[in-house]
Amino acid sequence: MHAVELLGAPGSPYTRKMLALLRYRAIPYRMIWGSHMQPPQGYPVPKVKLLPTFYFGEGDAREAVVDSTPIIRRLETEYAGRSVLPEDELLGFLDLLIEDFADEWMTKAMFHYRWHYSEDAANAGPLLIFWQSPTYPDDVAQQMADGFARRQIDRLYVVGSTDVTAPIIEASYTRLVGILDRMVSRTGFMLGTRPSAADFAIYAQLTQLGIVDPTPARIMAGAAPRLRAWLDRVEDLSGLPDGTWLAADALAGHLAELLAEIGRVYVPFLLANARAAAAGQSDFETEIDGKRWTQPVFPYQAKCLMTLRSAREALSGDARVALDALLDGSGCEAMFADEVAA
């Protein structure tokens, strides 16, 4: 079987997400460490340069693909066994919702902690350069690291990290560490005793927050050593025995805290961003967790909301009723209000 090839870097949470997933699913792969700004010679370039970049096919037929969520779905169709997508409709939607939350909200915490604090920025800069190549001379690497750090710090506002929003991001991260720790203690994973795409998405952001970046890593180590240990296990689940998905009657108790956190912080962001995008605005201001939030409009995350709305509409009547009952009171139900414009 031809190995899947991918270009990525250890500092890219989405690279970590896909590597761990490939290991769990026993899909043969060839890892190419590098930068999306310098793709391997002779390989096609995707329309949007992101990490990881997957290369499907061989030779002239090789295709460059980015965006982890659709890549996961493509891998499900091309490789059998060890599925990370629940067959049950309700579970499948919850998996998509939690994966989206991790990919699009938790990454705000990752980016914030990495570049908001000087200790974390000084730690990350050299790592990001040496992850590309360990043979850079020290003086060249430091110059590159300083330049990269300046660019990233200047871009903090793009993901919503400012002095105004920092308390919202940090309070959410601290709550989330406790929530995830309790979930892991009950079943081992988000939706049962086997990992779903959502687990790999959460794991990916936490590899940076809990391992690489000093400030959030101290928070996790002090509050949730179980969750910190979970990260090392999820890195390679190739030997994990087949598990089971949660039963329908166990979902409410297991997911209540996480759904409430998603409804508390991510849903208000999604709605405000989508409305601003629909109105043609370049930036927006809203209230999240009782505090002011402002940032530039992110068109991709407007699409995320529409994807979630479409996924709910595609559910059977019974599954939609069950989902609405589960989400009622969490804040997540606001995503599906008729007045949402996007």
C-alpha atoms as a PDB file:
ATOM      1  CA  MET A   1       0.000   0.000   0.000  1.00  0.00           C
ATOM      2  CA  HIS A   2       1.346   3.412  -0.975  1.00  0.00           C
ATOM      3  CA  ALA A   3       2.239   5.556   2.049  1.00  0.00           C
ATOM      4  CA  VAL A   4       0.487   8.876   2.501  1.00  0.00           C
ATOM      5  CA  GLU A   5       2.991  11.733   2.445  1.00  0.00           C
ATOM      6  CA  LEU A   6       2.608  14.875   4.498  1.00  0.00           C
ATOM      7  CA  LEU A   7       4.629  18.037   5.068  1.00  0.00           C
ATOM      8  CA  GLY A   8       4.455  19.407   8.603  1.00  0.00           C
ATOM      9  CA  ALA A   9       6.194  20.677  11.703  1.00  0.00           C
ATOM     10  CA  PRO A  10       6.066  19.727  15.412  1.00  0.00           C
ATOM     11  CA  GLY A  11       4.973  23.272  16.267  1.00  0.00           C
ATOM     12  CA  SER A  12       1.879  22.898  14.084  1.00  0.00           C
ATOM     13  CA  PRO A  13      -0.949  21.438  16.185  1.00  0.00           C
ATOM     14  CA  TYR A  14      -2.732  20.271  13.053  1.00  0.00           C
ATOM     15  CA  THR A  15       0.366  18.291  12.042  1.00  0.00           C
ATOM     16  CA  ARG A  16       0.296  16.606  15.454  1.00  0.00           C
ATOM     17  CA  LYS A  17      -3.428  15.963  15.033  1.00  0.00           C
ATOM     18  CA  MET A  18      -2.967  14.116  11.771  1.00  0.00           C
ATOM     19  CA  LEU A  19       0.167  12.205  12.762  1.00  0.00           C
ATOM     20  CA  ALA A  20      -1.543  10.793  15.840  1.00  0.00           C
ATOM     21  CA  LEU A  21      -4.597   9.900  13.777  1.00  0.00           C
ATOM     22  CA  LEU A  22      -2.518   8.133  11.134  1.00  0.00           C
ATOM     23  CA  ARG A  23      -0.784   6.090  13.836  1.00  0.00           C
ATOM     24  CA  TYR A  24      -4.070   5.100  15.473  1.00  0.00           C
ATOM     25  CA  ARG A  25      -5.620   4.089  12.166  1.00  0.00           C
ATOM     26  CA  ALA A  26      -2.449   2.206  11.098  1.00  0.00           C
ATOM     27  CA  ILE A  27      -2.278   4.153   7.843  1.00  0.00           C
ATOM     28  CA  PRO A  28       1.256   4.013   6.397  1.00  0.00           C
ATOM     29  CA  TYR A  29       2.738   7.469   6.047  1.00  0.00           C
ATOM     30  CA  ARG A  30       5.933   9.313   5.184  1.00  0.00           C
ATOM     31  CA  MET A  31       6.578  12.420   7.291  1.00  0.00           C
ATOM     32  CA  ILE A  32       8.375  15.343   5.638  1.00  0.00           C
ATOM     33  CA  TRP A  33       9.486  17.870   8.261  1.00  0.00           C
ATOM     34  CA  GLY A  34       9.598  21.403   6.947  1.00  0.00           C
ATOM     35  CA  SER A  35       7.799  24.667   6.328  1.00  0.00           C
ATOM     36  CA  HIS A  36       4.752  25.331   4.175  1.00  0.00           C
ATOM     37  CA  MET A  37       6.659  28.323   2.828  1.00  0.00           C
ATOM     38  CA  GLN A  38       9.299  25.966   1.418  1.00  0.00           C
ATOM     39  CA  PRO A  39       7.492  22.896   0.041  1.00  0.00           C
ATOM     40  CA  PRO A  40       9.627  19.945  -1.050  1.00  0.00           C
ATOM     41  CA  GLN A  41      11.088  20.302  -4.525  1.00  0.00           C
ATOM     42  CA  GLY A  42       9.062  18.658  -7.248  1.00  0.00           C
ATOM     43  CA  TYR A  43       5.883  18.489  -5.168  1.00  0.00           C
ATOM     44  CA  PRO A  44       2.694  20.365  -6.069  1.00  0.00           C
ATOM     45  CA  VAL A  45       1.767  23.497  -4.124  1.00  0.00           C
ATOM     46  CA  PRO A  46      -1.737  23.737  -2.616  1.00  0.00           C
ATOM     47  CA  LYS A  47      -3.976  26.717  -3.344  1.00  0.00           C
ATOM     48  CA  VAL A  48      -3.542  27.805   0.280  1.00  0.00           C
ATOM     49  CA  LYS A  49      -0.220  27.013   1.960  1.00  0.00           C
ATOM     50  CA  LEU A  50      -0.950  25.445   5.346  1.00  0.00           C
ATOM     51  CA  LEU A  51       0.469  22.734   7.596  1.00  0.00           C
ATOM     52  CA  PRO A  52       0.120  19.916   7.325  1.00  0.00           C
ATOM     53  CA  THR A  53       0.045  19.576   3.553  1.00  0.00           C
ATOM     54  CA  PHE A  54      -0.971  16.075   2.455  1.00  0.00           C
ATOM     55  CA  TYR A  55       0.215  14.638  -0.846  1.00  0.00           C
ATOM     56  CA  PHE A  56      -2.084  12.006  -2.308  1.00  0.00           C
ATOM     57  CA  GLY A  57      -1.049   9.954  -5.312  1.00  0.00           C
ATOM     58  CA  GLU A  58       2.333   9.616  -6.980  1.00  0.00           C
ATOM     59  CA  GLY A  59       4.404  11.326  -9.658  1.00  0.00           C
ATOM     60  CA  ASP A  60       2.545  13.664 -11.978  1.00  0.00           C
ATOM     61  CA  ALA A  61      -0.740  12.595 -10.381  1.00  0.00           C
ATOM     62  CA  ARG A  62       0.362  13.759  -6.940  1.00  0.00           C
ATOM     63  CA  GLU A  63      -2.180  16.146  -5.358  1.00  0.00           C
ATOM     64  CA  ALA A  64      -1.511  18.678  -2.550  1.00  0.00           C
ATOM     65  CA  VAL A  65      -4.354  18.961  -0.015  1.00  0.00           C
ATOM     66  CA  VAL A  66      -4.786  20.973   3.189  1.00  0.00           C
ATOM     67  CA  ASP A  67      -7.440  21.318   5.946  1.00  0.00           C
ATOM     68  CA  SER A  68      -7.443  18.486   8.457  1.00  0.00           C
ATOM     69  CA  THR A  69     -11.215  17.997   8.818  1.00  0.00           C
ATOM     70  CA  PRO A  70     -11.961  17.070   5.182  1.00  0.00           C
ATOM     71  CA  ILE A  71      -8.682  15.112   5.008  1.00  0.00           C
ATOM     72  CA  ILE A  72      -9.894  12.942   7.894  1.00  0.00           C
ATOM     73  CA  ARG A  73     -13.094  12.229   5.944  1.00  0.00           C
ATOM     74  CA  ARG A  74     -11.119  11.406   2.819  1.00  0.00           C
ATOM     75  CA  LEU A  75      -8.900   8.979   4.723  1.00  0.00           C
ATOM     76  CA  GLU A  76     -12.041   7.246   6.019  1.00  0.00           C
ATOM     77  CA  THR A  77     -13.128   6.508   2.446  1.00  0.00           C
ATOM     78  CA  GLU A  78      -9.697   5.359   1.285  1.00  0.00           C
ATOM     79  CA  TYR A  79      -8.547   3.288   4.287  1.00  0.00           C
ATOM     80  CA  ALA A  80     -10.687   0.749   6.125  1.00  0.00           C
ATOM     81  CA  GLY A  81     -10.706  -0.017   9.847  1.00  0.00           C
ATOM     82  CA  ARG A  82     -10.189   1.871  13.114  1.00  0.00           C
ATOM     83  CA  SER A  83     -12.661   4.607  12.141  1.00  0.00           C
ATOM     84  CA  VAL A  84     -12.549   7.860  14.099  1.00  0.00           C
ATOM     85  CA  LEU A  85     -16.011   8.937  12.901  1.00  0.00           C
ATOM     86  CA  PRO A  86     -18.956   7.498  14.836  1.00  0.00           C
ATOM     87  CA  GLU A  87     -21.606   5.883  12.662  1.00  0.00           C
ATOM     88  CA  ASP A  88     -24.388   7.020  14.986  1.00  0.00           C
ATOM     89  CA  GLU A  89     -25.881  10.293  13.685  1.00  0.00           C
ATOM     90  CA  LEU A  90     -25.994  12.079  17.024  1.00  0.00           C
ATOM     91  CA  LEU A  91     -22.486  11.053  17.997  1.00  0.00           C
ATOM     92  CA  GLY A  92     -21.254  12.009  14.553  1.00  0.00           C
ATOM     93  CA  PHE A  93     -22.588  15.532  14.945  1.00  0.00           C
ATOM     94  CA  LEU A  94     -21.128  15.898  18.433  1.00  0.00           C
ATOM     95  CA  ASP A  95     -17.773  14.718  17.134  1.00  0.00           C
ATOM     96  CA  LEU A  96     -17.881  17.376  14.403  1.00  0.00           C
ATOM     97  CA  LEU A  97     -18.880  20.100  16.873  1.00  0.00           C
ATOM     98  CA  ILE A  98     -16.115  19.277  19.343  1.00  0.00           C
ATOM     99  CA  GLU A  99     -13.517  18.932  16.582  1.00  0.00           C
ATOM    100  CA  ASP A 100     -14.535  22.342  15.242  1.00  0.00           C
ATOM    101  CA  PHE A 101     -14.326  23.886  18.721  1.00  0.00           C
ATOM    102  CA  ALA A 102     -10.813  22.510  19.178  1.00  0.00           C
ATOM    103  CA  ASP A 103      -9.617  23.544  15.729  1.00  0.00           C
ATOM    104  CA  GLU A 104     -11.082  27.036  15.794  1.00  0.00           C
ATOM    105  CA  TRP A 105     -11.385  28.148  19.447  1.00  0.00           C
ATOM    106  CA  MET A 106      -8.706  26.225  21.329  1.00  0.00           C
ATOM    107  CA  THR A 107      -6.175  27.376  18.747  1.00  0.00           C
ATOM    108  CA  LYS A 108      -6.824  30.935  19.940  1.00  0.00           C
ATOM    109  CA  ALA A 109      -5.446  29.910  23.338  1.00  0.00           C
ATOM    110  CA  MET A 110      -2.497  28.203  21.674  1.00  0.00           C
ATOM    111  CA  PHE A 111      -1.605  31.270  19.624  1.00  0.00           C
ATOM    112  CA  HIS A 112      -2.295  33.627  22.544  1.00  0.00           C
ATOM    113  CA  TYR A 113      -0.105  31.900  25.098  1.00  0.00           C
ATOM    114  CA  ARG A 114       2.709  31.321  22.608  1.00  0.00           C
ATOM    115  CA  TRP A 115       3.110  34.987  21.676  1.00  0.00           C
ATOM    116  CA  HIS A 116       1.400  37.096  24.349  1.00  0.00           C
ATOM    117  CA  TYR A 117       3.979  36.457  27.062  1.00  0.00           C
ATOM    118  CA  SER A 118       7.677  37.187  26.546  1.00  0.00           C
ATOM    119  CA  GLU A 119       8.803  33.941  28.211  1.00  0.00           C
ATOM    120  CA  ASP A 120       6.700  31.857  25.862  1.00  0.00           C
ATOM    121  CA  ALA A 121       7.703  33.837  22.767  1.00  0.00           C
ATOM    122  CA  ALA A 122      11.389  33.504  23.637  1.00  0.00           C
ATOM    123  CA  ASN A 123      10.896  29.755  24.038  1.00  0.00           C
ATOM    124  CA  ALA A 124       8.925  29.268  20.829  1.00  0.00           C
ATOM    125  CA  GLY A 125      11.021  31.311  18.408  1.00  0.00           C
ATOM    126  CA  PRO A 126      14.136  29.097  18.299  1.00  0.00           C
ATOM    127  CA  LEU A 127      12.094  25.895  18.452  1.00  0.00           C
ATOM    128  CA  LEU A 128      10.096  26.853  15.377  1.00  0.00           C
ATOM    129  CA  ILE A 129      13.302  27.503  13.456  1.00  0.00           C
ATOM    130  CA  PHE A 130      15.139  24.352  14.551  1.00  0.00           C
ATOM    131  CA  TRP A 131      12.033  22.274  13.900  1.00  0.00           C
ATOM    132  CA  GLN A 132      12.496  23.291  10.259  1.00  0.00           C
ATOM    133  CA  SER A 133      16.174  22.304  10.306  1.00  0.00           C
ATOM    134  CA  PRO A 134      18.556  21.589  13.206  1.00  0.00           C
ATOM    135  CA  THR A 135      21.588  22.585  11.119  1.00  0.00           C
ATOM    136  CA  TYR A 136      21.034  26.348  11.046  1.00  0.00           C
ATOM    137  CA  PRO A 137      24.022  28.184  12.608  1.00  0.00           C
ATOM    138  CA  ASP A 138      23.160  29.738  15.970  1.00  0.00           C
ATOM    139  CA  ASP A 139      23.407  33.351  14.786  1.00  0.00           C
ATOM    140  CA  VAL A 140      21.303  32.711  11.692  1.00  0.00           C
ATOM    141  CA  ALA A 141      18.726  30.760  13.698  1.00  0.00           C
ATOM    142  CA  GLN A 142      18.426  33.505  16.304  1.00  0.00           C
ATOM    143  CA  GLN A 143      17.941  36.156  13.648  1.00  0.00           C
ATOM    144  CA  MET A 144      15.269  34.035  11.979  1.00  0.00           C
ATOM    145  CA  ALA A 145      13.607  33.303  15.324  1.00  0.00           C
ATOM    146  CA  ASP A 146      13.498  36.985  16.290  1.00  0.00           C
ATOM    147  CA  GLY A 147      11.997  37.941  12.938  1.00  0.00           C
ATOM    148  CA  PHE A 148       9.401  35.195  13.062  1.00  0.00           C
ATOM    149  CA  ALA A 149       8.432  36.071  16.632  1.00  0.00           C
ATOM    150  CA  ARG A 150       7.960  39.738  15.741  1.00  0.00           C
ATOM    151  CA  ARG A 151       5.664  38.812  12.861  1.00  0.00           C
ATOM    152  CA  GLN A 152       3.592  36.480  15.010  1.00  0.00           C
ATOM    153  CA  ILE A 153       3.299  38.947  17.881  1.00  0.00           C
ATOM    154  CA  ASP A 154       2.164  41.608  15.409  1.00  0.00           C
ATOM    155  CA  ARG A 155      -0.525  39.193  14.168  1.00  0.00           C
ATOM    156  CA  LEU A 156      -1.960  38.311  17.584  1.00  0.00           C
ATOM    157  CA  TYR A 157      -4.967  40.561  17.042  1.00  0.00           C
ATOM    158  CA  VAL A 158      -5.939  38.551  13.936  1.00  0.00           C
ATOM    159  CA  VAL A 159      -7.000  35.563  16.064  1.00  0.00           C
ATOM    160  CA  GLY A 160      -8.506  37.817  18.714  1.00  0.00           C
ATOM    161  CA  SER A 161      -5.654  37.873  21.222  1.00  0.00           C
ATOM    162  CA  THR A 162      -5.326  41.352  22.715  1.00  0.00           C
ATOM    163  CA  ASP A 163      -5.031  42.821  26.189  1.00  0.00           C
ATOM    164  CA  VAL A 164      -8.835  43.202  26.089  1.00  0.00           C
ATOM    165  CA  THR A 165      -9.573  39.574  25.182  1.00  0.00           C
ATOM    166  CA  ALA A 166      -6.734  37.897  27.114  1.00  0.00           C
ATOM    167  CA  PRO A 167      -8.806  37.342  30.291  1.00  0.00           C
ATOM    168  CA  ILE A 168     -11.539  35.579  28.272  1.00  0.00           C
ATOM    169  CA  ILE A 169      -9.072  33.280  26.504  1.00  0.00           C
ATOM    170  CA  GLU A 170      -7.144  32.423  29.658  1.00  0.00           C
ATOM    171  CA  ALA A 171     -10.217  31.799  31.813  1.00  0.00           C
ATOM    172  CA  SER A 172     -11.615  29.496  29.130  1.00  0.00           C
ATOM    173  CA  TYR A 173      -8.355  27.548  28.920  1.00  0.00           C
ATOM    174  CA  THR A 174      -8.198  27.101  32.683  1.00  0.00           C
ATOM    175  CA  ARG A 175     -11.795  25.849  32.819  1.00  0.00           C
ATOM    176  CA  LEU A 176     -11.224  23.590  29.835  1.00  0.00           C
ATOM    177  CA  VAL A 177      -8.224  21.890  31.434  1.00  0.00           C
ATOM    178  CA  GLY A 178     -10.435  20.822  34.332  1.00  0.00           C
ATOM    179  CA  ILE A 179     -13.331  19.785  32.102  1.00  0.00           C
ATOM    180  CA  LEU A 180     -11.173  17.619  29.853  1.00  0.00           C
ATOM    181  CA  ASP A 181      -9.368  16.079  32.808  1.00  0.00           C
ATOM    182  CA  ARG A 182     -12.692  14.945  34.258  1.00  0.00           C
ATOM    183  CA  MET A 183     -13.856  13.588  30.905  1.00  0.00           C
ATOM    184  CA  VAL A 184     -10.668  11.583  30.439  1.00  0.00           C
ATOM    185  CA  SER A 185     -11.027  10.179  33.955  1.00  0.00           C
ATOM    186  CA  ARG A 186     -14.448   8.747  33.105  1.00  0.00           C
ATOM    187  CA  THR A 187     -14.028   7.096  29.714  1.00  0.00           C
ATOM    188  CA  GLY A 188     -10.530   7.821  28.417  1.00  0.00           C
ATOM    189  CA  PHE A 189     -11.783   9.827  25.427  1.00  0.00           C
ATOM    190  CA  MET A 190     -14.392  12.407  24.508  1.00  0.00           C
ATOM    191  CA  LEU A 191     -17.055  10.064  23.157  1.00  0.00           C
ATOM    192  CA  GLY A 192     -16.261   6.708  24.685  1.00  0.00           C
ATOM    193  CA  THR A 193     -13.416   4.281  25.222  1.00  0.00           C
ATOM    194  CA  ARG A 194     -12.126   4.853  21.680  1.00  0.00           C
ATOM    195  CA  PRO A 195     -10.853   8.079  20.113  1.00  0.00           C
ATOM    196  CA  SER A 196     -12.833  10.135  17.636  1.00  0.00           C
ATOM    197  CA  ALA A 197     -11.652  12.940  15.371  1.00  0.00           C
ATOM    198  CA  ALA A 198     -12.534  15.298  18.227  1.00  0.00           C
ATOM    199  CA  ASP A 199      -9.964  13.639  20.499  1.00  0.00           C
ATOM    200  CA  PHE A 200      -7.181  14.167  17.994  1.00  0.00           C
ATOM    201  CA  ALA A 201      -8.214  17.792  17.504  1.00  0.00           C
ATOM    202  CA  ILE A 202      -8.174  18.479  21.253  1.00  0.00           C
ATOM    203  CA  TYR A 203      -4.927  16.569  21.709  1.00  0.00           C
ATOM    204  CA  ALA A 204      -3.299  18.594  18.928  1.00  0.00           C
ATOM    205  CA  GLN A 205      -3.889  21.992  20.500  1.00  0.00           C
ATOM    206  CA  LEU A 206      -2.915  20.657  23.925  1.00  0.00           C
ATOM    207  CA  THR A 207       0.419  19.311  22.661  1.00  0.00           C
ATOM    208  CA  GLN A 208       1.434  22.950  22.346  1.00  0.00           C
ATOM    209  CA  LEU A 209      -0.400  24.335  25.369  1.00  0.00           C
ATOM    210  CA  GLY A 210       0.471  21.479  27.699  1.00  0.00           C
ATOM    211  CA  ILE A 211       3.963  20.562  26.502  1.00  0.00           C
ATOM    212  CA  VAL A 212       5.684  23.216  24.373  1.00  0.00           C
ATOM    213  CA  ASP A 213       4.663  26.602  25.782  1.00  0.00           C
ATOM    214  CA  PRO A 214       5.787  27.247  29.386  1.00  0.00           C
ATOM    215  CA  THR A 215       2.912  29.342  30.768  1.00  0.00           C
ATOM    216  CA  PRO A 216      -0.042  27.127  29.796  1.00  0.00           C
ATOM    217  CA  ALA A 217       2.056  23.994  30.416  1.00  0.00           C
ATOM    218  CA  ARG A 218       2.524  25.048  34.053  1.00  0.00           C
ATOM    219  CA  ILE A 219      -1.227  25.528  34.379  1.00  0.00           C
ATOM    220  CA  MET A 220      -1.937  22.031  33.075  1.00  0.00           C
ATOM    221  CA  ALA A 221       0.843  20.349  35.054  1.00  0.00           C
ATOM    222  CA  GLY A 222      -0.387  21.909  38.279  1.00  0.00           C
ATOM    223  CA  ALA A 223      -4.106  21.362  37.767  1.00  0.00           C
ATOM    224  CA  ALA A 224      -4.425  18.236  35.629  1.00  0.00           C
ATOM    225  CA  PRO A 225      -1.523  15.751  35.587  1.00  0.00           C
ATOM    226  CA  ARG A 226      -3.936  13.120  34.242  1.00  0.00           C
ATOM    227  CA  LEU A 227      -4.660  15.241  31.188  1.00  0.00           C
ATOM    228  CA  ARG A 228      -0.961  15.975  30.733  1.00  0.00           C
ATOM    229  CA  ALA A 229      -0.231  12.234  30.767  1.00  0.00           C
ATOM    230  CA  TRP A 230      -3.101  11.650  28.311  1.00  0.00           C
ATOM    231  CA  LEU A 231      -1.264  13.736  25.716  1.00  0.00           C
ATOM    232  CA  ASP A 232       1.708  11.358  25.721  1.00  0.00           C
ATOM    233  CA  ARG A 233      -0.592   8.373  25.274  1.00  0.00           C
ATOM    234  CA  VAL A 234      -2.653   9.867  22.443  1.00  0.00           C
ATOM    235  CA  GLU A 235       0.541  10.595  20.514  1.00  0.00           C
ATOM    236  CA  ASP A 236       0.657   6.906  19.605  1.00  0.00           C
ATOM    237  CA  LEU A 237      -2.499   4.834  20.018  1.00  0.00           C
ATOM    238  CA  SER A 238      -1.463   2.246  17.436  1.00  0.00           C
ATOM    239  CA  GLY A 239      -1.723  -0.518  20.033  1.00  0.00           C
ATOM    240  CA  LEU A 240      -4.953   0.601  21.650  1.00  0.00           C
ATOM    241  CA  PRO A 241      -7.552  -2.196  21.638  1.00  0.00           C
ATOM    242  CA  ASP A 242     -10.829  -1.446  19.893  1.00  0.00           C
ATOM    243  CA  GLY A 243     -13.186   0.409  22.211  1.00  0.00           C
ATOM    244  CA  THR A 244     -16.816   1.448  22.216  1.00  0.00           C
ATOM    245  CA  TRP A 245     -18.766   4.670  21.747  1.00  0.00           C
ATOM    246  CA  LEU A 246     -20.846   6.141  24.553  1.00  0.00           C
ATOM    247  CA  ALA A 247     -24.442   4.992  24.874  1.00  0.00           C
ATOM    248  CA  ALA A 248     -27.105   7.609  24.225  1.00  0.00           C
ATOM    249  CA  ASP A 249     -28.171   7.739  27.875  1.00  0.00           C
ATOM    250  CA  ALA A 250     -24.605   8.544  28.984  1.00  0.00           C
ATOM    251  CA  LEU A 251     -24.075  11.543  26.696  1.00  0.00           C
ATOM    252  CA  ALA A 252     -25.734  14.237  28.779  1.00  0.00           C
ATOM    253  CA  GLY A 253     -23.793  13.546  31.946  1.00  0.00           C
ATOM    254  CA  HIS A 254     -20.473  13.095  30.187  1.00  0.00           C
ATOM    255  CA  LEU A 255     -20.663  16.059  27.814  1.00  0.00           C
ATOM    256  CA  ALA A 256     -22.588  18.658  29.828  1.00  0.00           C
ATOM    257  CA  GLU A 257     -19.581  20.665  30.990  1.00  0.00           C
ATOM    258  CA  LEU A 258     -17.861  20.682  27.618  1.00  0.00           C
ATOM    259  CA  LEU A 259     -21.010  21.676  25.737  1.00  0.00           C
ATOM    260  CA  ALA A 260     -21.572  24.477  28.246  1.00  0.00           C
ATOM    261  CA  GLU A 261     -18.039  25.766  27.645  1.00  0.00           C
ATOM    262  CA  ILE A 262     -18.548  25.658  23.885  1.00  0.00           C
ATOM    263  CA  GLY A 263     -21.813  27.549  24.307  1.00  0.00           C
ATOM    264  CA  ARG A 264     -20.216  30.019  26.708  1.00  0.00           C
ATOM    265  CA  VAL A 265     -17.317  31.153  24.525  1.00  0.00           C
ATOM    266  CA  TYR A 266     -17.225  29.665  21.029  1.00  0.00           C
ATOM    267  CA  VAL A 267     -20.852  30.048  19.993  1.00  0.00           C
ATOM    268  CA  PRO A 268     -21.014  33.804  20.727  1.00  0.00           C
ATOM    269  CA  PHE A 269     -17.824  34.225  18.706  1.00  0.00           C
ATOM    270  CA  LEU A 270     -19.175  32.170  15.788  1.00  0.00           C
ATOM    271  CA  LEU A 271     -22.422  34.104  15.654  1.00  0.00           C
ATOM    272  CA  ALA A 272     -20.865  37.560  15.853  1.00  0.00           C
ATOM    273  CA  ASN A 273     -18.200  36.662  13.296  1.00  0.00           C
ATOM    274  CA  ALA A 274     -20.757  35.228  10.854  1.00  0.00           C
ATOM    275  CA  ARG A 275     -23.058  38.230  11.149  1.00  0.00           C
ATOM    276  CA  ALA A 276     -20.167  40.611  10.573  1.00  0.00           C
ATOM    277  CA  ALA A 277     -19.000  38.593   7.571  1.00  0.00           C
ATOM    278  CA  ALA A 278     -22.510  38.615   6.102  1.00  0.00           C
ATOM    279  CA  ALA A 279     -22.647  42.400   6.558  1.00  0.00           C
ATOM    280  CA  GLY A 280     -19.327  42.844   4.775  1.00  0.00           C
ATOM    281  CA  GLN A 281     -17.545  44.159   7.870  1.00  0.00           C
ATOM    282  CA  SER A 282     -13.791  43.844   8.298  1.00  0.00           C
ATOM    283  CA  ASP A 283     -13.943  43.526  12.079  1.00  0.00           C
ATOM    284  CA  PHE A 284     -16.524  43.095  14.815  1.00  0.00           C
ATOM    285  CA  GLU A 285     -17.179  43.558  18.498  1.00  0.00           C
ATOM    286  CA  THR A 286     -19.327  41.363  20.722  1.00  0.00           C
ATOM    287  CA  GLU A 287     -19.629  40.118  24.292  1.00  0.00           C
ATOM    288  CA  ILE A 288     -18.214  36.763  25.368  1.00  0.00           C
ATOM    289  CA  ASP A 289     -18.579  35.503  28.928  1.00  0.00           C
ATOM    290  CA  GLY A 290     -19.789  38.930  30.003  1.00  0.00           C
ATOM    291  CA  LYS A 291     -16.737  40.729  28.645  1.00  0.00           C
ATOM    292  CA  ARG A 292     -15.898  42.721  25.533  1.00  0.00           C
ATOM    293  CA  TRP A 293     -14.436  40.840  22.579  1.00  0.00           C
ATOM    294  CA  THR A 294     -13.180  42.394  19.362  1.00  0.00           C
ATOM    295  CA  GLN A 295     -11.219  41.064  16.391  1.00  0.00           C
ATOM    296  CA  PRO A 296     -11.078  41.053  12.582  1.00  0.00           C
ATOM    297  CA  VAL A 297     -13.667  38.977  10.729  1.00  0.00           C
ATOM    298  CA  PHE A 298     -12.515  35.446   9.907  1.00  0.00           C
ATOM    299  CA  PRO A 299     -14.364  34.249   6.751  1.00  0.00           C
ATOM    300  CA  TYR A 300     -13.349  30.608   7.252  1.00  0.00           C
ATOM    301  CA  GLN A 301     -15.001  30.514  10.665  1.00  0.00           C
ATOM    302  CA  ALA A 302     -18.196  31.903   9.146  1.00  0.00           C
ATOM    303  CA  LYS A 303     -18.108  28.800   6.946  1.00  0.00           C
ATOM    304  CA  CYS A 304     -17.614  26.660  10.065  1.00  0.00           C
ATOM    305  CA  LEU A 305     -20.924  27.885  11.448  1.00  0.00           C
ATOM    306  CA  MET A 306     -22.706  27.110   8.200  1.00  0.00           C
ATOM    307  CA  THR A 307     -21.134  23.646   8.129  1.00  0.00           C
ATOM    308  CA  LEU A 308     -22.470  22.924  11.613  1.00  0.00           C
ATOM    309  CA  ARG A 309     -25.916  24.254  10.705  1.00  0.00           C
ATOM    310  CA  SER A 310     -25.977  22.131   7.553  1.00  0.00           C
ATOM    311  CA  ALA A 311     -24.859  19.053   9.509  1.00  0.00           C
ATOM    312  CA  ARG A 312     -27.742  19.510  11.932  1.00  0.00           C
ATOM    313  CA  GLU A 313     -30.217  19.919   9.074  1.00  0.00           C
ATOM    314  CA  ALA A 314     -28.930  16.692   7.517  1.00  0.00           C
ATOM    315  CA  LEU A 315     -29.814  14.692  10.631  1.00  0.00           C
ATOM    316  CA  SER A 316     -32.864  12.478  10.687  1.00  0.00           C
ATOM    317  CA  GLY A 317     -35.829  13.832  12.619  1.00  0.00           C
ATOM    318  CA  ASP A 318     -35.201  11.626  15.661  1.00  0.00           C
ATOM    319  CA  ALA A 319     -31.504  12.475  15.786  1.00  0.00           C
ATOM    320  CA  ARG A 320     -32.231  16.203  15.504  1.00  0.00           C
ATOM    321  CA  VAL A 321     -34.735  16.013  18.355  1.00  0.00           C
ATOM    322  CA  ALA A 322     -32.178  14.161  20.496  1.00  0.00           C
ATOM    323  CA  LEU A 323     -29.470  16.695  19.629  1.00  0.00           C
ATOM    324  CA  ASP A 324     -31.669  19.680  20.431  1.00  0.00           C
ATOM    325  CA  ALA A 325     -32.601  18.156  23.786  1.00  0.00           C
ATOM    326  CA  LEU A 326     -28.949  17.541  24.590  1.00  0.00           C
ATOM    327  CA  LEU A 327     -27.884  21.075  23.639  1.00  0.00           C
ATOM    328  CA  ASP A 328     -30.816  22.822  25.323  1.00  0.00           C
ATOM    329  CA  GLY A 329     -29.546  25.227  27.959  1.00  0.00           C
ATOM    330  CA  SER A 330     -25.870  24.810  27.008  1.00  0.00           C
ATOM    331  CA  GLY A 331     -25.721  27.916  24.843  1.00  0.00           C
ATOM    332  CA  CYS A 332     -24.929  25.788  21.802  1.00  0.00           C
ATOM    333  CA  GLU A 333     -28.559  25.855  20.702  1.00  0.00           C
ATOM    334  CA  ALA A 334     -28.096  29.522  19.699  1.00  0.00           C
ATOM    335  CA  MET A 335     -26.093  28.357  16.664  1.00  0.00           C
ATOM    336  CA  PHE A 336     -29.274  27.074  15.090  1.00  0.00           C
ATOM    337  CA  ALA A 337     -31.587  30.009  15.755  1.00  0.00           C
ATOM    338  CA  ASP A 338     -33.457  31.039  12.620  1.00  0.00           C
ATOM    339  CA  GLU A 339     -32.335  34.647  12.873  1.00  0.00           C
ATOM    340  CA  VAL A 340     -28.653  33.749  12.432  1.00  0.00           C
ATOM    341  CA  ALA A 341     -27.405  35.441   9.268  1.00  0.00           C
ATOM    342  CA  ALA A 342     -24.266  34.171   7.599  1.00  0.00           C
END
